[in-house]
Protein backbone atom coordinates (compact mmCIF):
# COMPACT_ATOMS: atom_id res chain seq x y z
CA MET A 1 -15.24 -30.04 -87.14
CA GLU A 2 -18.73 -29.54 -86.47
CA PHE A 3 -17.92 -26.52 -84.62
CA LEU A 4 -16.52 -24.94 -87.59
CA SER A 5 -19.31 -25.80 -89.74
CA ASN A 6 -21.78 -24.31 -87.11
CA PHE A 7 -19.67 -21.23 -86.89
CA LEU A 8 -19.62 -20.92 -90.69
CA SER A 9 -23.28 -21.36 -91.22
CA PHE A 10 -24.20 -19.14 -88.14
CA ALA A 11 -21.68 -16.28 -89.68
CA ALA A 12 -23.36 -16.84 -93.18
CA GLU A 13 -26.63 -15.98 -91.82
CA THR A 14 -25.53 -12.87 -90.05
CA GLY A 15 -23.96 -11.48 -93.11
CA THR A 16 -20.26 -11.54 -91.87
CA VAL A 17 -18.90 -14.34 -93.87
CA ASP A 18 -19.61 -14.91 -97.51
CA PRO A 19 -20.71 -18.73 -97.85
CA ASN A 20 -18.97 -18.97 -101.15
CA ALA A 21 -15.48 -17.90 -99.94
CA SER A 22 -12.80 -19.97 -100.08
CA GLY A 23 -10.51 -21.18 -97.32
CA ALA A 24 -7.75 -18.67 -98.22
CA GLU A 25 -10.58 -15.66 -98.12
CA LEU A 26 -11.64 -16.61 -94.50
CA ALA A 27 -7.81 -17.29 -93.39
CA ALA A 28 -7.12 -13.65 -94.71
CA GLY A 29 -9.79 -12.25 -92.61
CA ASN A 30 -8.95 -13.95 -89.44
CA TRP A 31 -5.66 -12.50 -89.99
CA ILE A 32 -6.67 -8.93 -90.40
CA ALA A 33 -9.06 -9.33 -87.30
CA MET A 34 -6.24 -10.46 -85.19
CA LEU A 35 -4.14 -7.44 -86.38
CA PHE A 36 -6.51 -4.68 -84.60
CA PRO A 37 -5.72 -6.01 -81.03
CA LEU A 38 -1.84 -6.37 -81.78
CA LEU A 39 -1.95 -2.97 -83.08
CA LEU A 40 -3.67 -1.87 -80.17
CA LEU A 41 -1.09 -3.53 -77.84
CA GLY A 42 1.75 -2.18 -79.62
CA LEU A 43 0.14 1.52 -79.17
CA PHE A 44 -0.30 0.87 -75.28
CA TYR A 45 3.22 -0.17 -75.01
CA VAL A 46 4.47 2.99 -77.07
CA ILE A 47 2.15 5.28 -75.27
CA LEU A 48 2.65 4.20 -71.35
CA ILE A 49 5.57 1.68 -70.81
CA VAL A 50 8.16 3.37 -72.94
CA PRO A 51 7.86 6.82 -71.33
CA GLN A 52 7.84 5.16 -67.95
CA LYS A 53 11.06 3.04 -68.63
CA ARG A 54 12.81 6.28 -69.52
CA LYS A 55 11.80 8.04 -66.51
CA GLU A 56 12.97 4.91 -64.40
CA LYS A 57 16.34 4.86 -66.25
CA LYS A 58 16.59 8.86 -65.75
CA HIS A 59 16.09 8.24 -62.08
CA ARG A 60 18.63 5.41 -61.59
CA GLU A 61 21.33 7.61 -63.32
CA ALA A 62 20.31 10.54 -61.30
CA LEU A 63 20.76 8.56 -58.07
CA ALA A 64 24.12 6.92 -59.21
CA SER A 65 25.39 10.22 -60.11
CA ALA A 66 24.42 11.67 -56.59
CA ILE A 67 27.54 13.19 -54.59
CA VAL A 68 27.72 14.59 -50.94
CA GLY A 69 26.40 18.19 -51.10
CA ASP A 70 23.49 17.41 -53.42
CA GLN A 71 20.20 18.62 -52.12
CA ILE A 72 17.40 15.85 -52.11
CA VAL A 73 13.54 15.60 -51.98
CA THR A 74 12.26 12.25 -50.46
CA ILE A 75 9.20 10.83 -51.65
CA GLY A 76 7.76 11.87 -48.33
CA GLY A 77 8.50 15.51 -49.10
CA ILE A 78 11.40 15.98 -46.73
CA ALA A 79 14.25 18.00 -48.24
CA GLY A 80 17.66 18.28 -47.40
CA LYS A 81 21.53 18.00 -48.27
CA ILE A 82 23.45 14.64 -48.77
CA VAL A 83 26.04 14.18 -46.25
CA ASN A 84 27.05 10.44 -46.57
CA ILE A 85 26.02 7.58 -49.20
CA LYS A 86 26.47 4.08 -48.66
CA ASP A 87 25.47 1.18 -50.82
CA ASP A 88 21.39 1.44 -50.80
CA GLU A 89 21.25 4.27 -48.02
CA ILE A 90 21.77 8.02 -48.13
CA THR A 91 22.29 10.37 -44.81
CA PHE A 92 20.94 13.68 -45.42
CA GLU A 93 20.55 16.86 -43.05
CA THR A 94 17.54 18.99 -42.87
CA SER A 95 16.95 22.53 -40.85
CA ILE A 96 19.01 24.85 -39.32
CA GLU A 97 19.63 21.83 -36.58
CA ARG A 98 21.26 19.95 -38.68
CA THR A 99 18.89 16.62 -38.29
CA LYS A 100 20.42 13.80 -39.82
CA ILE A 101 17.99 11.33 -41.29
CA THR A 102 18.92 7.87 -43.35
CA VAL A 103 16.72 6.69 -46.00
CA LYS A 104 16.98 3.96 -48.55
CA LYS A 105 17.92 5.01 -51.95
CA TRP A 106 14.63 3.85 -53.46
CA ALA A 107 12.73 6.66 -51.22
CA ILE A 108 14.60 9.68 -52.77
CA LYS A 109 12.15 11.57 -55.37
CA ASP A 110 14.47 14.13 -56.93
CA ILE A 111 17.97 14.88 -56.75
CA ILE A 112 18.96 18.69 -57.28
CA LYS A 113 22.57 19.41 -58.24
CA PRO A 114 23.94 22.60 -56.76
CA ILE A 115 24.85 25.39 -59.77
CA GLN A 116 28.31 25.53 -60.11
CA SER A 117 29.61 29.04 -60.68
C-alpha cells in the first residue's frame, strides 16, 4: 500500500497523474497504457510470423506433392532430377554422369515441376 501511495505522489509531482483523479480514471489510464504494447505484439505477429507460416505450409505441400522426375534444388545449391522418394529421403541424380545423391527432405529448398505439354 505504501508503494502505491509513493507511486501516486511521484506521478502527481511529475504531472502524469491527476492527484484528484478517482480510481476508475487511474484504471482507465493503465488499460490504455497496456493496449499499446499489445497492439505492437499483434502487429509483429501479423508482419513476421503469419507470412513465415504461409511459406512453410507451401513448402511442406510442395514436398508432399513431389514425384519422380521433378527437378529439385537443395539448400546447398545442388540441382538435379528426383529418381527415388522414401519416407524422409529423396534420391536425385545430377549432371551427365548421373551421379546419385540422397538427402533428407528438409534439405530441399525448391521443387520445379516439369512443364506438361
